[in-house]
Amino acid sequence: MQWWMILIIVVAVLVLYVISTYNRLVKARNKVRDQWAQIDVQLKRRYDLIPNLVETVKGYAKHEKETLEAVINARNSAVSASSVDDKIDADNQVTQAISKLFALTESYPELKANENFIKLQDELSGIEKEVAGARQYYNAAVRSYNYNVMAIPDSIVASIMHHEKMKMFEANEEERKNVTVNFDE
C-alpha cells in the first residue's frame, strides 16, 4: 500500500514539473513574439518611409538607378517576408541598401541640402534608433527562451512539446566590416 502512495506522489511531482516547465516555455515564447511585434511595428514604419526617400533621391541621382533599385528590391522582399527568420534576413538587406543610398549623398551636395531629404533622413534615423532598441529587447527575450529550451532538464520537456531555438538579430557580414576613415580627401 505504501509503494502506491510513493508512486502517486512521484507521478504527481513529475506532472507538476512538466506543466510548470511547459508554462514557463510558453511564457518565454510569448515574450519573444511580443518583442518581435515591437520590432515589426518599427520596421513597418521604416518600410513605409523608404519609397519617399527613394523618390527624393531619384530626382537628384538619376544615374544611380542600380542603388535605388537595390533599396526598393530589399524593401519589397522585407515586406513580403513571412517568417521571422526571413524578415530578419530581409531587414539586414534593407539596412545594407539604405547605407549605400546614404553614401550616395556624399556625391550630391544639393541632395544633402534638400529640406525634404533632410527631414526623411532624420525620421529614418529616429526609426533606426527605435529598431535598435527593440532588437536589444528581442535578443534578450530570445536568449532567455533559448536558454530554457536548451538547459537540462527543461530541454526534455521542450523537445517533447516541440519548442525549438529561435534566431537572434545579428549583424550581417557587411555591418561587421571595419569602417575606413580617410582624412586625406
N, C-alpha and C. Protein backbone atom coordinates (compact mmCIF):
# COMPACT_ATOMS: atom_id res chain seq x y z
N MET A 1 0.82 -1.21 0.00
CA MET A 1 0.00 0.00 0.00
C MET A 1 0.86 1.27 0.00
N GLN A 2 1.94 1.25 0.71
CA GLN A 2 2.81 2.42 0.82
C GLN A 2 3.53 2.73 -0.49
N TRP A 3 3.93 1.74 -1.27
CA TRP A 3 4.64 2.00 -2.53
C TRP A 3 3.71 2.64 -3.55
N TRP A 4 2.39 2.40 -3.46
CA TRP A 4 1.44 3.06 -4.36
C TRP A 4 1.39 4.56 -4.06
N MET A 5 1.45 4.90 -2.81
CA MET A 5 1.42 6.31 -2.43
C MET A 5 2.69 7.01 -2.94
N ILE A 6 3.82 6.34 -2.79
CA ILE A 6 5.08 6.91 -3.27
C ILE A 6 5.02 7.09 -4.78
N LEU A 7 4.50 6.10 -5.49
CA LEU A 7 4.37 6.17 -6.95
C LEU A 7 3.44 7.32 -7.35
N ILE A 8 2.34 7.47 -6.67
CA ILE A 8 1.39 8.55 -6.98
C ILE A 8 2.04 9.90 -6.74
N ILE A 9 2.79 10.03 -5.65
CA ILE A 9 3.47 11.30 -5.35
C ILE A 9 4.53 11.60 -6.41
N VAL A 10 5.32 10.60 -6.78
CA VAL A 10 6.35 10.80 -7.81
C VAL A 10 5.71 11.21 -9.14
N VAL A 11 4.64 10.53 -9.54
CA VAL A 11 3.94 10.87 -10.79
C VAL A 11 3.36 12.28 -10.70
N ALA A 12 2.77 12.62 -9.58
CA ALA A 12 2.19 13.96 -9.41
C ALA A 12 3.27 15.04 -9.50
N VAL A 13 4.43 14.79 -8.86
CA VAL A 13 5.53 15.75 -8.92
C VAL A 13 6.03 15.89 -10.36
N LEU A 14 6.16 14.78 -11.08
CA LEU A 14 6.59 14.84 -12.47
C LEU A 14 5.59 15.60 -13.34
N VAL A 15 4.32 15.34 -13.15
CA VAL A 15 3.28 16.03 -13.92
C VAL A 15 3.32 17.53 -13.62
N LEU A 16 3.44 17.89 -12.36
CA LEU A 16 3.52 19.31 -11.99
C LEU A 16 4.77 19.96 -12.58
N TYR A 17 5.88 19.23 -12.59
CA TYR A 17 7.10 19.75 -13.17
C TYR A 17 6.93 20.01 -14.67
N VAL A 18 6.35 19.04 -15.38
CA VAL A 18 6.13 19.18 -16.83
C VAL A 18 5.20 20.36 -17.10
N ILE A 19 4.12 20.47 -16.34
CA ILE A 19 3.18 21.58 -16.53
C ILE A 19 3.88 22.91 -16.26
N SER A 20 4.62 22.99 -15.18
CA SER A 20 5.33 24.22 -14.83
C SER A 20 6.35 24.59 -15.90
N THR A 21 7.11 23.63 -16.37
CA THR A 21 8.12 23.89 -17.40
C THR A 21 7.45 24.32 -18.70
N TYR A 22 6.38 23.64 -19.08
CA TYR A 22 5.66 23.99 -20.30
C TYR A 22 5.15 25.43 -20.21
N ASN A 23 4.55 25.78 -19.08
CA ASN A 23 4.03 27.13 -18.92
C ASN A 23 5.14 28.18 -18.97
N ARG A 24 6.29 27.88 -18.39
CA ARG A 24 7.43 28.79 -18.43
C ARG A 24 7.92 28.96 -19.88
N LEU A 25 7.96 27.87 -20.64
CA LEU A 25 8.38 27.94 -22.04
C LEU A 25 7.39 28.76 -22.88
N VAL A 26 6.11 28.55 -22.63
CA VAL A 26 5.08 29.30 -23.36
C VAL A 26 5.20 30.79 -23.03
N LYS A 27 5.40 31.10 -21.76
CA LYS A 27 5.55 32.50 -21.36
C LYS A 27 6.76 33.12 -22.04
N ALA A 28 7.87 32.41 -22.07
CA ALA A 28 9.09 32.92 -22.71
C ALA A 28 8.89 33.08 -24.21
N ARG A 29 8.23 32.11 -24.84
CA ARG A 29 7.97 32.19 -26.29
C ARG A 29 7.05 33.38 -26.59
N ASN A 30 6.05 33.59 -25.76
CA ASN A 30 5.15 34.73 -25.97
C ASN A 30 5.87 36.06 -25.79
N LYS A 31 6.83 36.11 -24.87
CA LYS A 31 7.62 37.33 -24.69
C LYS A 31 8.44 37.60 -25.94
N VAL A 32 9.03 36.55 -26.53
CA VAL A 32 9.78 36.70 -27.77
C VAL A 32 8.86 37.22 -28.88
N ARG A 33 7.69 36.64 -28.98
CA ARG A 33 6.74 37.08 -30.02
C ARG A 33 6.32 38.52 -29.81
N ASP A 34 6.11 38.90 -28.55
CA ASP A 34 5.75 40.28 -28.25
C ASP A 34 6.88 41.22 -28.64
N GLN A 35 8.10 40.85 -28.32
CA GLN A 35 9.24 41.69 -28.68
C GLN A 35 9.40 41.76 -30.20
N TRP A 36 9.11 40.65 -30.89
CA TRP A 36 9.17 40.69 -32.35
C TRP A 36 8.12 41.64 -32.89
N ALA A 37 6.94 41.65 -32.29
CA ALA A 37 5.88 42.56 -32.74
C ALA A 37 6.33 44.01 -32.60
N GLN A 38 7.09 44.32 -31.55
CA GLN A 38 7.60 45.67 -31.37
C GLN A 38 8.57 46.04 -32.49
N ILE A 39 9.41 45.10 -32.86
CA ILE A 39 10.33 45.33 -33.98
C ILE A 39 9.54 45.49 -35.27
N ASP A 40 8.56 44.64 -35.46
CA ASP A 40 7.77 44.65 -36.68
C ASP A 40 7.08 46.01 -36.89
N VAL A 41 6.60 46.61 -35.81
CA VAL A 41 5.97 47.93 -35.91
C VAL A 41 6.98 48.96 -36.43
N GLN A 42 8.19 48.93 -35.85
CA GLN A 42 9.21 49.89 -36.28
C GLN A 42 9.66 49.62 -37.71
N LEU A 43 9.78 48.35 -38.07
CA LEU A 43 10.18 48.01 -39.43
C LEU A 43 9.12 48.46 -40.43
N LYS A 44 7.86 48.34 -40.09
CA LYS A 44 6.79 48.80 -40.98
C LYS A 44 6.91 50.30 -41.21
N ARG A 45 7.16 51.05 -40.14
CA ARG A 45 7.36 52.50 -40.29
C ARG A 45 8.54 52.77 -41.21
N ARG A 46 9.58 52.00 -41.04
CA ARG A 46 10.79 52.16 -41.86
C ARG A 46 10.48 51.85 -43.32
N TYR A 47 9.80 50.74 -43.56
CA TYR A 47 9.49 50.34 -44.94
C TYR A 47 8.55 51.33 -45.61
N ASP A 48 7.65 51.94 -44.83
CA ASP A 48 6.75 52.95 -45.40
C ASP A 48 7.50 54.22 -45.78
N LEU A 49 8.58 54.51 -45.10
CA LEU A 49 9.36 55.72 -45.35
C LEU A 49 10.28 55.58 -46.57
N ILE A 50 10.71 54.36 -46.85
CA ILE A 50 11.70 54.13 -47.90
C ILE A 50 11.26 54.64 -49.28
N PRO A 51 10.04 54.38 -49.75
CA PRO A 51 9.66 54.89 -51.08
C PRO A 51 9.79 56.42 -51.19
N ASN A 52 9.42 57.15 -50.14
CA ASN A 52 9.55 58.61 -50.16
C ASN A 52 11.01 59.02 -50.25
N LEU A 53 11.85 58.31 -49.53
CA LEU A 53 13.28 58.60 -49.55
C LEU A 53 13.86 58.35 -50.94
N VAL A 54 13.48 57.22 -51.54
CA VAL A 54 13.98 56.87 -52.87
C VAL A 54 13.51 57.90 -53.90
N GLU A 55 12.26 58.32 -53.81
CA GLU A 55 11.75 59.32 -54.77
C GLU A 55 12.50 60.63 -54.64
N THR A 56 12.82 61.02 -53.43
CA THR A 56 13.57 62.26 -53.24
C THR A 56 14.97 62.15 -53.84
N VAL A 57 15.63 61.02 -53.60
CA VAL A 57 16.98 60.83 -54.14
C VAL A 57 16.94 60.72 -55.65
N LYS A 58 15.89 60.08 -56.17
CA LYS A 58 15.78 59.84 -57.61
C LYS A 58 15.88 61.14 -58.42
N GLY A 59 15.32 62.20 -57.89
CA GLY A 59 15.36 63.48 -58.60
C GLY A 59 16.76 64.03 -58.74
N TYR A 60 17.63 63.69 -57.83
CA TYR A 60 18.99 64.23 -57.85
C TYR A 60 20.00 63.25 -58.43
N ALA A 61 19.77 61.99 -58.24
CA ALA A 61 20.76 60.98 -58.63
C ALA A 61 20.19 60.07 -59.71
N LYS A 62 19.87 60.64 -60.83
CA LYS A 62 19.22 59.89 -61.91
C LYS A 62 20.05 58.72 -62.42
N HIS A 63 21.35 58.84 -62.44
CA HIS A 63 22.18 57.77 -62.99
C HIS A 63 22.59 56.74 -61.93
N GLU A 64 22.01 56.79 -60.75
CA GLU A 64 22.29 55.82 -59.68
C GLU A 64 21.16 54.79 -59.60
N LYS A 65 20.66 54.41 -60.75
CA LYS A 65 19.50 53.52 -60.85
C LYS A 65 19.72 52.20 -60.10
N GLU A 66 20.90 51.63 -60.20
CA GLU A 66 21.18 50.34 -59.59
C GLU A 66 21.02 50.39 -58.06
N THR A 67 21.54 51.44 -57.45
CA THR A 67 21.43 51.59 -56.00
C THR A 67 19.97 51.78 -55.58
N LEU A 68 19.26 52.61 -56.32
CA LEU A 68 17.85 52.86 -56.00
C LEU A 68 17.02 51.58 -56.14
N GLU A 69 17.29 50.82 -57.20
CA GLU A 69 16.57 49.56 -57.39
C GLU A 69 16.90 48.57 -56.28
N ALA A 70 18.13 48.56 -55.82
CA ALA A 70 18.52 47.65 -54.73
C ALA A 70 17.75 47.98 -53.46
N VAL A 71 17.56 49.27 -53.19
CA VAL A 71 16.81 49.68 -52.00
C VAL A 71 15.36 49.23 -52.12
N ILE A 72 14.76 49.48 -53.26
CA ILE A 72 13.35 49.10 -53.46
C ILE A 72 13.19 47.58 -53.41
N ASN A 73 14.09 46.85 -54.06
CA ASN A 73 14.00 45.38 -54.03
C ASN A 73 14.17 44.84 -52.62
N ALA A 74 15.10 45.40 -51.86
CA ALA A 74 15.30 44.95 -50.48
C ALA A 74 14.05 45.25 -49.65
N ARG A 75 13.48 46.42 -49.85
CA ARG A 75 12.25 46.79 -49.12
C ARG A 75 11.12 45.84 -49.47
N ASN A 76 10.94 45.56 -50.77
CA ASN A 76 9.86 44.67 -51.20
C ASN A 76 10.02 43.26 -50.66
N SER A 77 11.25 42.75 -50.64
CA SER A 77 11.45 41.41 -50.10
C SER A 77 11.21 41.39 -48.59
N ALA A 78 11.54 42.49 -47.91
CA ALA A 78 11.30 42.57 -46.47
C ALA A 78 9.81 42.62 -46.17
N VAL A 79 9.07 43.38 -46.96
CA VAL A 79 7.62 43.50 -46.75
C VAL A 79 6.93 42.16 -47.01
N SER A 80 7.42 41.40 -47.98
CA SER A 80 6.76 40.14 -48.33
C SER A 80 7.28 38.94 -47.54
N ALA A 81 8.32 39.13 -46.73
CA ALA A 81 8.85 38.01 -45.93
C ALA A 81 7.79 37.56 -44.93
N SER A 82 7.68 36.24 -44.77
CA SER A 82 6.62 35.73 -43.91
C SER A 82 7.10 35.25 -42.55
N SER A 83 8.21 34.55 -42.50
CA SER A 83 8.68 34.03 -41.22
C SER A 83 9.61 35.04 -40.54
N VAL A 84 9.78 34.89 -39.26
CA VAL A 84 10.67 35.78 -38.51
C VAL A 84 12.09 35.68 -39.07
N ASP A 85 12.56 34.47 -39.34
CA ASP A 85 13.91 34.30 -39.89
C ASP A 85 14.06 35.02 -41.22
N ASP A 86 13.06 34.89 -42.10
CA ASP A 86 13.11 35.57 -43.40
C ASP A 86 13.09 37.09 -43.22
N LYS A 87 12.29 37.57 -42.27
CA LYS A 87 12.22 39.01 -42.02
C LYS A 87 13.55 39.54 -41.48
N ILE A 88 14.19 38.78 -40.62
CA ILE A 88 15.49 39.20 -40.09
C ILE A 88 16.49 39.31 -41.22
N ASP A 89 16.54 38.29 -42.09
CA ASP A 89 17.47 38.32 -43.22
C ASP A 89 17.16 39.47 -44.17
N ALA A 90 15.88 39.66 -44.46
CA ALA A 90 15.47 40.73 -45.37
C ALA A 90 15.78 42.10 -44.77
N ASP A 91 15.57 42.24 -43.47
CA ASP A 91 15.86 43.53 -42.84
C ASP A 91 17.35 43.85 -42.90
N ASN A 92 18.18 42.84 -42.77
CA ASN A 92 19.62 43.07 -42.90
C ASN A 92 19.96 43.59 -44.30
N GLN A 93 19.26 43.07 -45.32
CA GLN A 93 19.47 43.55 -46.69
C GLN A 93 19.01 45.01 -46.83
N VAL A 94 17.89 45.35 -46.18
CA VAL A 94 17.40 46.73 -46.22
C VAL A 94 18.41 47.67 -45.59
N THR A 95 18.93 47.28 -44.44
CA THR A 95 19.92 48.10 -43.75
C THR A 95 21.13 48.36 -44.63
N GLN A 96 21.60 47.32 -45.30
CA GLN A 96 22.75 47.44 -46.19
C GLN A 96 22.43 48.36 -47.37
N ALA A 97 21.24 48.20 -47.96
CA ALA A 97 20.85 49.02 -49.11
C ALA A 97 20.69 50.48 -48.72
N ILE A 98 20.12 50.74 -47.57
CA ILE A 98 19.94 52.13 -47.12
C ILE A 98 21.29 52.79 -46.87
N SER A 99 22.22 52.04 -46.30
CA SER A 99 23.55 52.64 -46.06
C SER A 99 24.21 53.02 -47.38
N LYS A 100 24.01 52.21 -48.42
CA LYS A 100 24.56 52.56 -49.74
C LYS A 100 23.86 53.79 -50.30
N LEU A 101 22.55 53.90 -50.05
CA LEU A 101 21.79 55.05 -50.52
C LEU A 101 22.30 56.33 -49.86
N PHE A 102 22.55 56.27 -48.56
CA PHE A 102 23.06 57.44 -47.87
C PHE A 102 24.49 57.77 -48.29
N ALA A 103 25.24 56.77 -48.68
CA ALA A 103 26.59 57.02 -49.17
C ALA A 103 26.55 57.84 -50.46
N LEU A 104 25.48 57.68 -51.23
CA LEU A 104 25.33 58.45 -52.47
C LEU A 104 25.26 59.94 -52.21
N THR A 105 24.71 60.31 -51.07
CA THR A 105 24.50 61.74 -50.81
C THR A 105 25.81 62.51 -50.78
N GLU A 106 26.90 61.83 -50.51
CA GLU A 106 28.20 62.50 -50.50
C GLU A 106 28.56 63.02 -51.88
N SER A 107 28.04 62.36 -52.91
CA SER A 107 28.33 62.79 -54.29
C SER A 107 27.38 63.87 -54.78
N TYR A 108 26.32 64.14 -54.02
CA TYR A 108 25.30 65.09 -54.46
C TYR A 108 25.04 66.13 -53.35
N PRO A 109 25.83 67.18 -53.31
CA PRO A 109 25.68 68.18 -52.25
C PRO A 109 24.29 68.83 -52.24
N GLU A 110 23.70 69.01 -53.44
CA GLU A 110 22.37 69.62 -53.49
C GLU A 110 21.31 68.70 -52.87
N LEU A 111 21.55 67.39 -52.92
CA LEU A 111 20.64 66.44 -52.26
C LEU A 111 20.80 66.54 -50.75
N LYS A 112 22.02 66.64 -50.29
CA LYS A 112 22.27 66.76 -48.86
C LYS A 112 21.60 68.00 -48.28
N ALA A 113 21.45 69.04 -49.10
CA ALA A 113 20.85 70.29 -48.64
C ALA A 113 19.33 70.32 -48.81
N ASN A 114 18.76 69.32 -49.49
CA ASN A 114 17.32 69.29 -49.75
C ASN A 114 16.56 69.11 -48.43
N GLU A 115 15.63 70.02 -48.18
CA GLU A 115 14.87 70.01 -46.91
C GLU A 115 14.06 68.73 -46.73
N ASN A 116 13.43 68.26 -47.79
CA ASN A 116 12.64 67.04 -47.73
C ASN A 116 13.53 65.84 -47.41
N PHE A 117 14.68 65.77 -48.06
CA PHE A 117 15.62 64.67 -47.83
C PHE A 117 16.12 64.70 -46.38
N ILE A 118 16.45 65.88 -45.90
CA ILE A 118 16.95 66.01 -44.52
C ILE A 118 15.87 65.54 -43.54
N LYS A 119 14.63 65.94 -43.79
CA LYS A 119 13.53 65.53 -42.92
C LYS A 119 13.36 64.00 -42.94
N LEU A 120 13.36 63.41 -44.13
CA LEU A 120 13.23 61.96 -44.25
C LEU A 120 14.40 61.23 -43.60
N GLN A 121 15.59 61.77 -43.78
CA GLN A 121 16.79 61.17 -43.19
C GLN A 121 16.72 61.22 -41.67
N ASP A 122 16.27 62.34 -41.12
CA ASP A 122 16.12 62.46 -39.67
C ASP A 122 15.07 61.50 -39.14
N GLU A 123 13.97 61.39 -39.85
CA GLU A 123 12.90 60.48 -39.44
C GLU A 123 13.39 59.03 -39.47
N LEU A 124 14.11 58.68 -40.53
CA LEU A 124 14.66 57.33 -40.65
C LEU A 124 15.69 57.07 -39.55
N SER A 125 16.47 58.07 -39.23
CA SER A 125 17.46 57.93 -38.16
C SER A 125 16.77 57.65 -36.82
N GLY A 126 15.67 58.34 -36.55
CA GLY A 126 14.91 58.10 -35.33
C GLY A 126 14.33 56.69 -35.30
N ILE A 127 13.82 56.25 -36.43
CA ILE A 127 13.26 54.89 -36.52
C ILE A 127 14.37 53.87 -36.30
N GLU A 128 15.56 54.13 -36.87
CA GLU A 128 16.68 53.20 -36.71
C GLU A 128 17.05 53.04 -35.23
N LYS A 129 17.01 54.13 -34.48
CA LYS A 129 17.30 54.06 -33.04
C LYS A 129 16.26 53.21 -32.33
N GLU A 130 15.00 53.39 -32.69
CA GLU A 130 13.94 52.60 -32.07
C GLU A 130 14.05 51.12 -32.46
N VAL A 131 14.41 50.85 -33.70
CA VAL A 131 14.61 49.47 -34.14
C VAL A 131 15.76 48.84 -33.36
N ALA A 132 16.84 49.59 -33.19
CA ALA A 132 18.00 49.07 -32.44
C ALA A 132 17.61 48.72 -31.01
N GLY A 133 16.84 49.58 -30.38
CA GLY A 133 16.38 49.29 -29.02
C GLY A 133 15.47 48.08 -28.97
N ALA A 134 14.55 48.00 -29.92
CA ALA A 134 13.63 46.86 -29.97
C ALA A 134 14.39 45.57 -30.24
N ARG A 135 15.44 45.64 -31.07
CA ARG A 135 16.26 44.45 -31.33
C ARG A 135 16.95 43.97 -30.06
N GLN A 136 17.42 44.91 -29.25
CA GLN A 136 18.07 44.52 -27.99
C GLN A 136 17.10 43.76 -27.09
N TYR A 137 15.89 44.28 -26.94
CA TYR A 137 14.89 43.60 -26.12
C TYR A 137 14.51 42.24 -26.71
N TYR A 138 14.39 42.20 -28.02
CA TYR A 138 14.07 40.94 -28.69
C TYR A 138 15.18 39.92 -28.43
N ASN A 139 16.42 40.32 -28.64
CA ASN A 139 17.54 39.39 -28.43
C ASN A 139 17.61 38.92 -26.99
N ALA A 140 17.30 39.79 -26.03
CA ALA A 140 17.29 39.38 -24.62
C ALA A 140 16.20 38.33 -24.38
N ALA A 141 15.03 38.55 -24.97
CA ALA A 141 13.94 37.58 -24.82
C ALA A 141 14.29 36.26 -25.50
N VAL A 142 14.90 36.31 -26.67
CA VAL A 142 15.30 35.09 -27.38
C VAL A 142 16.38 34.36 -26.59
N ARG A 143 17.34 35.09 -26.06
CA ARG A 143 18.41 34.47 -25.27
C ARG A 143 17.82 33.71 -24.07
N SER A 144 16.89 34.32 -23.37
CA SER A 144 16.25 33.69 -22.22
C SER A 144 15.46 32.45 -22.65
N TYR A 145 14.68 32.60 -23.73
CA TYR A 145 13.89 31.47 -24.25
C TYR A 145 14.80 30.33 -24.68
N ASN A 146 15.84 30.66 -25.46
CA ASN A 146 16.76 29.62 -25.95
C ASN A 146 17.46 28.91 -24.80
N TYR A 147 17.78 29.64 -23.75
CA TYR A 147 18.39 29.01 -22.58
C TYR A 147 17.43 27.97 -21.99
N ASN A 148 16.17 28.35 -21.85
CA ASN A 148 15.17 27.42 -21.31
C ASN A 148 15.00 26.19 -22.21
N VAL A 149 15.05 26.41 -23.50
CA VAL A 149 14.87 25.30 -24.45
C VAL A 149 16.07 24.36 -24.43
N MET A 150 17.26 24.89 -24.13
CA MET A 150 18.47 24.09 -24.23
C MET A 150 18.94 23.51 -22.90
N ALA A 151 18.54 24.11 -21.78
CA ALA A 151 19.05 23.67 -20.48
C ALA A 151 18.36 22.39 -20.02
N ILE A 152 19.17 21.51 -19.46
CA ILE A 152 18.65 20.26 -18.91
C ILE A 152 18.12 20.56 -17.52
N PRO A 153 17.02 20.07 -17.11
CA PRO A 153 16.12 19.09 -17.70
C PRO A 153 15.00 19.69 -18.54
N ASP A 154 14.91 21.06 -18.57
CA ASP A 154 13.84 21.69 -19.33
C ASP A 154 13.88 21.33 -20.81
N SER A 155 15.05 21.04 -21.32
CA SER A 155 15.19 20.70 -22.75
C SER A 155 14.40 19.44 -23.10
N ILE A 156 14.24 18.56 -22.14
CA ILE A 156 13.47 17.33 -22.39
C ILE A 156 12.01 17.69 -22.65
N VAL A 157 11.45 18.52 -21.78
CA VAL A 157 10.06 18.97 -21.96
C VAL A 157 9.95 19.79 -23.24
N ALA A 158 10.93 20.65 -23.50
CA ALA A 158 10.90 21.49 -24.70
C ALA A 158 10.87 20.65 -25.97
N SER A 159 11.68 19.60 -26.02
CA SER A 159 11.69 18.78 -27.23
C SER A 159 10.40 17.98 -27.38
N ILE A 160 9.85 17.52 -26.29
CA ILE A 160 8.58 16.79 -26.34
C ILE A 160 7.46 17.71 -26.82
N MET A 161 7.49 18.97 -26.38
CA MET A 161 6.44 19.94 -26.73
C MET A 161 6.77 20.74 -27.99
N HIS A 162 7.84 20.34 -28.69
CA HIS A 162 8.24 20.95 -29.98
C HIS A 162 8.61 22.43 -29.86
N HIS A 163 9.27 22.80 -28.78
CA HIS A 163 9.82 24.14 -28.64
C HIS A 163 11.23 24.09 -29.21
N GLU A 164 11.51 24.97 -30.16
CA GLU A 164 12.83 24.99 -30.79
C GLU A 164 13.49 26.34 -30.57
N LYS A 165 14.82 26.34 -30.70
CA LYS A 165 15.57 27.59 -30.56
C LYS A 165 15.06 28.60 -31.58
N MET A 166 15.15 29.87 -31.21
CA MET A 166 14.76 30.95 -32.11
C MET A 166 16.00 31.72 -32.54
N LYS A 167 15.89 32.36 -33.68
CA LYS A 167 17.02 33.10 -34.25
C LYS A 167 17.08 34.50 -33.65
N MET A 168 18.30 34.94 -33.36
CA MET A 168 18.51 36.28 -32.85
C MET A 168 18.83 37.23 -33.99
N PHE A 169 18.61 38.53 -33.76
CA PHE A 169 19.06 39.54 -34.71
C PHE A 169 20.57 39.66 -34.55
N GLU A 170 21.29 39.49 -35.64
CA GLU A 170 22.74 39.62 -35.60
C GLU A 170 23.18 40.50 -36.75
N ALA A 171 24.31 41.13 -36.58
CA ALA A 171 24.87 41.96 -37.64
C ALA A 171 25.25 41.07 -38.82
N ASN A 172 24.99 41.55 -40.03
CA ASN A 172 25.39 40.78 -41.21
C ASN A 172 26.86 41.07 -41.51
N GLU A 173 27.39 40.37 -42.49
CA GLU A 173 28.82 40.49 -42.82
C GLU A 173 29.20 41.93 -43.18
N GLU A 174 28.36 42.62 -43.91
CA GLU A 174 28.66 44.00 -44.32
C GLU A 174 28.78 44.91 -43.09
N GLU A 175 27.90 44.71 -42.12
CA GLU A 175 27.93 45.55 -40.91
C GLU A 175 29.12 45.22 -40.02
N ARG A 176 29.71 44.04 -40.16
CA ARG A 176 30.84 43.64 -39.33
C ARG A 176 32.17 44.14 -39.86
N LYS A 177 32.20 44.63 -41.08
CA LYS A 177 33.45 45.11 -41.66
C LYS A 177 33.93 46.34 -40.91
N ASN A 178 35.25 46.51 -40.87
CA ASN A 178 35.83 47.70 -40.25
C ASN A 178 35.49 48.92 -41.08
N VAL A 179 35.20 50.01 -40.41
CA VAL A 179 34.91 51.27 -41.09
C VAL A 179 36.23 51.92 -41.45
N THR A 180 36.32 52.38 -42.71
CA THR A 180 37.53 53.04 -43.17
C THR A 180 37.30 54.55 -43.09
N VAL A 181 38.17 55.20 -42.35
CA VAL A 181 38.10 56.66 -42.22
C VAL A 181 39.32 57.23 -42.93
N ASN A 182 39.06 58.16 -43.88
CA ASN A 182 40.14 58.73 -44.67
C ASN A 182 40.07 60.25 -44.54
N PHE A 183 41.06 60.85 -43.89
CA PHE A 183 41.09 62.30 -43.70
C PHE A 183 41.87 63.01 -44.79
N ASP A 184 42.39 62.27 -45.76
CA ASP A 184 43.20 62.86 -46.82
C ASP A 184 42.37 63.59 -47.87
N GLU A 185 41.11 63.31 -47.94
CA GLU A 185 40.28 63.89 -49.01
C GLU A 185 39.81 65.27 -48.67
